[in-house]
N, C-alpha and C. Protein backbone atom coordinates (compact mmCIF):
# COMPACT_ATOMS: atom_id res chain seq x y z
N UNK A 1 75.41 106.29 92.33
CA UNK A 1 74.70 106.41 93.49
C UNK A 1 74.50 105.19 94.42
N UNK A 2 74.98 105.12 95.57
CA UNK A 2 74.73 103.95 96.38
C UNK A 2 73.54 104.04 97.50
N UNK A 3 72.73 102.98 97.47
CA UNK A 3 71.81 102.89 98.02
C UNK A 3 71.45 101.74 99.23
N UNK A 4 71.82 102.07 100.49
CA UNK A 4 71.82 101.00 101.69
C UNK A 4 70.43 100.70 102.16
N UNK A 5 70.01 99.47 102.27
CA UNK A 5 68.97 99.29 102.83
C UNK A 5 68.66 99.45 104.18
N UNK A 6 67.58 100.22 104.76
CA UNK A 6 67.59 100.77 106.36
C UNK A 6 67.73 99.69 107.01
N UNK A 7 67.37 98.46 107.01
CA UNK A 7 67.63 97.33 107.99
C UNK A 7 69.41 97.43 108.26
N UNK A 8 69.79 97.01 107.13
CA UNK A 8 71.36 96.97 107.14
C UNK A 8 71.89 98.20 108.04
N UNK A 9 71.57 99.64 107.54
CA UNK A 9 72.19 100.72 107.99
C UNK A 9 71.86 100.56 109.54
N UNK A 10 70.59 100.15 110.18
CA UNK A 10 70.12 99.80 111.29
C UNK A 10 70.80 98.90 112.10
N UNK A 11 71.46 97.82 111.67
CA UNK A 11 72.37 96.86 111.98
C UNK A 11 73.82 97.20 112.43
N UNK A 12 74.29 98.64 111.73
CA UNK A 12 75.78 98.64 111.62
C UNK A 12 75.71 100.20 112.44
N UNK A 13 74.51 100.51 112.98
CA UNK A 13 74.50 101.55 114.02
C UNK A 13 74.99 103.06 113.70
N UNK A 14 75.96 103.35 114.20
CA UNK A 14 76.80 104.48 113.84
C UNK A 14 77.43 104.42 112.61
N UNK A 15 77.67 103.47 111.94
CA UNK A 15 78.55 103.31 110.93
C UNK A 15 78.06 102.78 109.69
N UNK A 16 76.87 103.69 109.38
CA UNK A 16 76.18 103.43 107.86
C UNK A 16 77.30 104.04 106.66
N UNK A 17 76.93 103.87 105.54
CA UNK A 17 77.60 104.59 104.31
C UNK A 17 77.82 105.62 104.39
N UNK A 18 76.86 106.65 105.00
CA UNK A 18 77.22 108.11 104.90
C UNK A 18 78.36 108.56 105.68
N UNK A 19 78.35 107.75 106.79
CA UNK A 19 79.51 107.81 107.90
C UNK A 19 80.88 107.28 107.55
N UNK A 20 80.99 106.56 106.41
CA UNK A 20 82.49 106.01 106.23
C UNK A 20 83.39 106.82 106.24
N UNK A 21 84.69 106.37 106.20
CA UNK A 21 85.81 107.14 105.89
C UNK A 21 86.56 106.13 105.16
N UNK A 22 87.67 106.87 104.25
CA UNK A 22 88.43 105.68 103.69
C UNK A 22 89.77 105.93 103.63
N UNK A 23 90.45 105.09 103.79
CA UNK A 23 91.77 104.77 103.69
C UNK A 23 92.42 104.09 102.52
N UNK A 24 93.42 104.63 101.83
CA UNK A 24 93.93 103.58 100.79
C UNK A 24 95.54 103.29 101.44
N UNK A 25 95.67 101.88 101.43
CA UNK A 25 97.05 101.50 102.08
C UNK A 25 97.53 100.10 101.55
N UNK A 26 98.74 99.77 101.97
CA UNK A 26 99.00 98.35 102.15
C UNK A 26 98.59 97.58 103.31
N UNK A 27 98.57 96.41 103.14
CA UNK A 27 98.43 95.58 104.31
C UNK A 27 99.95 95.57 104.89
N UNK A 28 100.30 95.48 106.43
CA UNK A 28 101.40 95.36 106.56
C UNK A 28 101.46 94.07 107.98
N UNK A 29 100.08 93.94 108.11
CA UNK A 29 99.95 92.95 109.34
C UNK A 29 98.69 92.37 109.38
N UNK A 30 98.57 91.05 109.63
CA UNK A 30 96.94 90.51 109.72
C UNK A 30 97.25 89.56 111.09
N UNK A 31 96.00 90.10 111.74
CA UNK A 31 95.64 89.15 113.15
C UNK A 31 94.23 88.87 112.58
N UNK A 32 94.06 88.23 113.83
CA UNK A 32 92.22 87.59 113.97
C UNK A 32 91.67 88.84 114.06
N UNK A 33 90.88 88.64 112.91
CA UNK A 33 89.81 89.55 112.32
C UNK A 33 90.24 91.24 112.70
N UNK A 34 91.81 91.27 112.49
CA UNK A 34 92.14 92.75 112.49
C UNK A 34 93.40 92.93 111.39
N UNK A 35 93.57 94.13 110.88
CA UNK A 35 94.27 94.34 109.69
C UNK A 35 95.34 95.59 110.28
N UNK A 36 96.52 95.60 109.58
CA UNK A 36 97.06 96.86 109.89
C UNK A 36 97.68 97.39 108.49
N UNK A 37 97.08 98.48 108.21
CA UNK A 37 97.56 99.03 107.07
C UNK A 37 98.36 100.55 107.08
N UNK A 38 99.32 100.40 106.48
CA UNK A 38 100.32 101.76 106.06
C UNK A 38 99.57 102.74 104.84
N UNK A 39 98.77 103.78 105.18
CA UNK A 39 98.45 104.33 103.87
C UNK A 39 99.42 105.03 103.04
N UNK A 40 98.81 105.16 101.84
CA UNK A 40 99.82 105.35 100.58
C UNK A 40 98.90 106.81 99.77
N UNK A 41 100.20 107.31 99.02
CA UNK A 41 99.93 108.50 98.43
C UNK A 41 99.32 109.50 99.10
N UNK A 42 99.87 109.60 100.32
CA UNK A 42 100.04 110.96 101.51
C UNK A 42 101.31 111.32 102.06
N UNK A 43 101.38 112.48 102.05
CA UNK A 43 102.79 113.64 102.23
C UNK A 43 103.42 112.32 103.30
N UNK A 44 102.43 112.22 104.56
CA UNK A 44 102.94 111.53 105.72
C UNK A 44 102.17 110.44 105.85
N UNK A 45 102.82 109.17 105.47
CA UNK A 45 102.09 108.04 105.66
C UNK A 45 101.38 107.67 107.29
N UNK A 46 100.45 107.10 107.20
CA UNK A 46 100.19 106.86 108.70
C UNK A 46 99.40 105.65 108.92
N UNK A 47 99.63 105.10 109.91
CA UNK A 47 99.58 103.44 110.10
C UNK A 47 98.15 103.40 111.18
N UNK A 48 97.27 102.53 110.45
CA UNK A 48 96.08 102.17 111.24
C UNK A 48 95.88 100.67 111.77
N UNK A 49 95.33 100.42 112.54
CA UNK A 49 94.80 98.85 113.34
C UNK A 49 93.34 99.10 112.67
N UNK A 50 92.97 98.12 111.65
CA UNK A 50 91.37 97.93 111.54
C UNK A 50 90.71 96.61 112.18
N UNK A 51 89.88 97.01 113.08
CA UNK A 51 89.03 95.65 113.22
C UNK A 51 87.93 95.54 112.56
N UNK A 52 87.48 94.39 112.22
CA UNK A 52 86.63 93.79 111.26
C UNK A 52 85.27 93.92 111.88
N UNK A 53 84.66 94.78 111.56
CA UNK A 53 83.12 94.57 112.08
C UNK A 53 82.51 93.50 111.88
N UNK A 54 81.32 92.90 112.24
CA UNK A 54 81.14 91.47 112.22
C UNK A 54 80.10 91.14 111.02
N UNK A 55 80.00 92.65 110.37
CA UNK A 55 79.00 92.00 108.90
C UNK A 55 80.06 92.86 107.89
N UNK A 56 81.65 93.16 108.23
CA UNK A 56 82.00 93.22 107.26
C UNK A 56 82.34 92.33 106.07
N UNK A 57 82.92 92.78 105.02
CA UNK A 57 82.95 91.82 103.80
C UNK A 57 84.38 92.60 103.07
N UNK A 58 84.96 91.50 102.14
CA UNK A 58 85.96 91.71 101.43
C UNK A 58 85.71 91.42 100.05
N UNK A 59 86.01 92.36 98.84
CA UNK A 59 85.99 92.29 97.82
C UNK A 59 86.93 92.65 96.88
N UNK A 60 87.09 91.91 95.61
CA UNK A 60 88.30 92.48 94.91
C UNK A 60 87.48 93.70 93.94
N UNK A 61 88.82 94.30 93.23
CA UNK A 61 88.22 95.40 92.11
C UNK A 61 87.41 94.63 91.06
N UNK A 62 87.32 93.78 90.85
CA UNK A 62 86.35 92.82 89.58
C UNK A 62 84.88 93.20 90.42
N UNK A 63 84.05 93.51 89.45
CA UNK A 63 82.93 93.82 90.11
C UNK A 63 82.18 92.50 90.39
N UNK A 64 81.49 92.21 91.61
CA UNK A 64 80.96 91.22 92.31
C UNK A 64 81.56 89.97 92.66
N UNK A 65 83.27 90.33 92.69
CA UNK A 65 84.01 89.48 93.17
C UNK A 65 84.35 89.44 94.53
N UNK A 66 84.24 88.69 95.31
CA UNK A 66 84.70 88.54 96.82
C UNK A 66 85.62 87.42 97.28
N UNK A 67 85.95 87.69 98.48
CA UNK A 67 87.11 86.91 98.83
C UNK A 67 87.13 86.96 100.21
N UNK A 68 87.73 85.62 100.74
CA UNK A 68 87.62 85.60 102.58
C UNK A 68 88.44 86.33 103.01
N UNK A 69 88.72 86.65 104.09
CA UNK A 69 89.27 87.47 105.16
C UNK A 69 91.03 86.61 105.31
N UNK A 70 90.63 85.48 105.04
CA UNK A 70 91.90 84.31 105.34
C UNK A 70 92.89 84.65 104.17
N UNK A 71 92.39 84.99 102.98
CA UNK A 71 92.79 85.27 101.70
C UNK A 71 93.54 86.39 101.55
N UNK A 72 93.37 87.26 102.54
CA UNK A 72 94.29 88.53 102.20
C UNK A 72 95.68 88.31 102.44
N UNK A 73 96.88 89.15 102.00
CA UNK A 73 98.13 88.64 102.12
C UNK A 73 98.98 90.12 102.88
N UNK A 74 99.86 90.19 103.54
CA UNK A 74 100.62 91.28 103.44
C UNK A 74 100.84 91.77 102.12
N UNK A 75 101.12 93.19 102.21
CA UNK A 75 101.53 93.82 100.82
C UNK A 75 100.24 94.02 99.97
N UNK A 76 99.10 93.69 100.00
CA UNK A 76 97.74 93.69 99.27
C UNK A 76 97.83 95.28 99.46
N UNK A 77 97.51 96.15 98.22
CA UNK A 77 96.99 97.27 98.32
C UNK A 77 95.39 97.30 98.28
N UNK A 78 94.96 97.96 99.59
CA UNK A 78 93.38 98.07 100.02
C UNK A 78 92.70 99.31 100.11
N UNK A 79 91.62 99.41 100.00
CA UNK A 79 90.94 100.57 100.10
C UNK A 79 90.19 100.20 101.22
N UNK A 80 90.15 100.68 102.81
CA UNK A 80 89.52 100.32 103.81
C UNK A 80 88.36 101.28 103.89
N UNK A 81 87.06 100.74 103.83
CA UNK A 81 86.16 101.80 104.34
C UNK A 81 85.37 101.41 105.91
N UNK A 82 85.34 102.61 106.83
CA UNK A 82 84.78 102.28 107.87
C UNK A 82 84.87 103.50 108.92
N UNK A 83 84.88 103.34 109.83
CA UNK A 83 84.57 104.52 110.81
C UNK A 83 85.42 104.28 112.42
N UNK A 84 85.50 105.79 112.89
CA UNK A 84 86.18 105.38 114.24
C UNK A 84 85.30 105.61 115.41
N UNK A 85 85.14 104.68 116.02
CA UNK A 85 84.70 104.82 117.50
C UNK A 85 84.74 103.78 118.30
N UNK A 86 84.52 104.36 119.53
CA UNK A 86 84.87 103.52 120.81
C UNK A 86 86.21 103.25 120.96
N UNK A 87 87.41 104.08 120.31
CA UNK A 87 88.78 103.60 120.49
C UNK A 87 89.18 102.71 119.41
N UNK A 88 88.11 102.36 118.37
CA UNK A 88 89.03 101.33 117.38
C UNK A 88 88.52 101.79 116.16
N UNK A 89 89.32 101.53 114.99
CA UNK A 89 88.60 101.86 113.62
C UNK A 89 88.10 100.58 113.12
N UNK A 90 86.72 100.63 112.88
CA UNK A 90 86.22 99.75 112.41
C UNK A 90 86.02 99.44 110.74
N UNK A 91 86.39 98.38 110.61
CA UNK A 91 86.29 98.32 109.01
C UNK A 91 84.89 97.62 108.43
N UNK A 92 84.14 98.26 107.54
CA UNK A 92 82.77 97.67 107.21
C UNK A 92 83.17 96.86 105.74
N UNK A 93 84.38 97.62 104.87
CA UNK A 93 84.20 97.16 103.76
C UNK A 93 85.93 96.97 103.43
N UNK A 94 86.56 95.62 102.90
CA UNK A 94 87.66 96.12 102.62
C UNK A 94 87.63 95.64 100.92
N UNK A 95 88.19 96.40 100.31
CA UNK A 95 88.41 96.51 98.71
C UNK A 95 89.87 96.46 98.08
N UNK A 96 89.99 95.48 97.92
CA UNK A 96 91.59 94.94 97.36
C UNK A 96 91.80 95.89 95.71
N UNK A 97 92.75 96.19 96.00
CA UNK A 97 92.97 97.26 94.40
C UNK A 97 94.02 96.45 93.78
N UNK A 98 93.62 96.74 92.29
CA UNK A 98 94.57 96.47 91.56
C UNK A 98 95.60 97.35 91.10
N UNK A 99 97.14 97.17 91.66
CA UNK A 99 98.11 98.28 91.37
C UNK A 99 98.27 98.83 89.95
N UNK A 100 97.68 98.13 89.21
CA UNK A 100 97.82 98.53 87.70
C UNK A 100 96.72 99.21 87.12
N UNK A 101 95.51 99.73 88.08
CA UNK A 101 94.50 100.29 87.84
C UNK A 101 94.74 101.78 87.55
N UNK A 102 94.03 102.48 86.50
CA UNK A 102 94.39 103.72 86.22
C UNK A 102 93.96 104.72 87.35
N UNK A 103 93.14 104.44 88.35
CA UNK A 103 92.93 105.52 89.34
C UNK A 103 94.32 105.33 90.43
N UNK A 104 94.83 104.19 90.66
CA UNK A 104 95.93 103.80 91.41
C UNK A 104 97.15 104.63 90.92
N UNK A 105 97.54 104.29 89.55
CA UNK A 105 98.45 104.83 88.54
C UNK A 105 98.22 106.41 88.88
N UNK A 106 97.19 107.15 88.89
CA UNK A 106 97.09 108.57 88.62
C UNK A 106 97.58 108.92 90.23
N UNK A 107 96.79 108.10 91.24
CA UNK A 107 97.15 108.81 92.64
C UNK A 107 98.87 108.57 93.01
N UNK A 108 99.36 107.60 92.09
CA UNK A 108 100.79 107.45 92.39
C UNK A 108 101.61 108.55 91.78
N UNK A 109 100.95 108.98 90.72
CA UNK A 109 101.70 110.03 89.77
C UNK A 109 101.78 111.38 90.41
N UNK A 110 100.15 111.59 90.90
CA UNK A 110 99.95 112.91 91.65
C UNK A 110 100.93 113.08 92.84
N UNK A 111 100.84 111.97 93.71
CA UNK A 111 101.83 111.79 94.81
C UNK A 111 103.15 112.41 94.55
N UNK A 112 103.79 111.99 93.20
CA UNK A 112 105.30 112.18 92.92
C UNK A 112 105.53 113.30 92.24
N UNK A 113 104.31 114.00 92.32
CA UNK A 113 104.40 115.68 91.55
C UNK A 113 104.20 116.48 92.67
N UNK A 114 103.78 115.92 93.99
CA UNK A 114 103.51 116.96 95.02
C UNK A 114 102.04 116.94 95.43
N UNK A 115 101.00 116.29 94.61
CA UNK A 115 99.79 116.55 94.94
C UNK A 115 99.14 115.24 95.72
N UNK A 116 98.92 115.55 96.90
CA UNK A 116 98.63 114.36 97.87
C UNK A 116 97.11 113.72 97.78
N UNK A 117 96.76 112.75 97.85
CA UNK A 117 95.70 112.22 98.53
C UNK A 117 95.20 112.99 99.75
N UNK A 118 93.85 113.27 99.73
CA UNK A 118 93.49 113.96 100.96
C UNK A 118 93.90 115.33 101.37
N UNK A 119 94.41 116.01 100.20
CA UNK A 119 94.71 117.46 100.09
C UNK A 119 96.07 117.93 100.62
N UNK A 120 96.71 117.07 101.18
CA UNK A 120 97.85 117.58 101.94
C UNK A 120 98.57 118.10 101.03
N UNK A 121 99.49 118.93 101.57
CA UNK A 121 100.57 120.08 100.94
C UNK A 121 102.02 119.53 101.52
């Protein structure tokens, strides 16, 4: 279970943890506090431009390890958590995923078998 301090949720406004959406994809373009990702493991991949929220952070798949936004590279597989508001997709957290992780391999196997992430048929 994840607990968010009240003060942190208040600073984020309408984008607290409970409202977050998740997109898994590869980074295709990196700009000034913006990322463009193309989703994976979906029947019809989608492209999203993510604007980094001022309080956003980037972490790796290893527990407690963080990285700088400038260390992200195109081709990195990421899980982006955030919300859509005011015409922008705001990223609150970017998790860099290990392509050899069991979850990622399982999502890839399921997609090959016709079972897509987010229930697409």
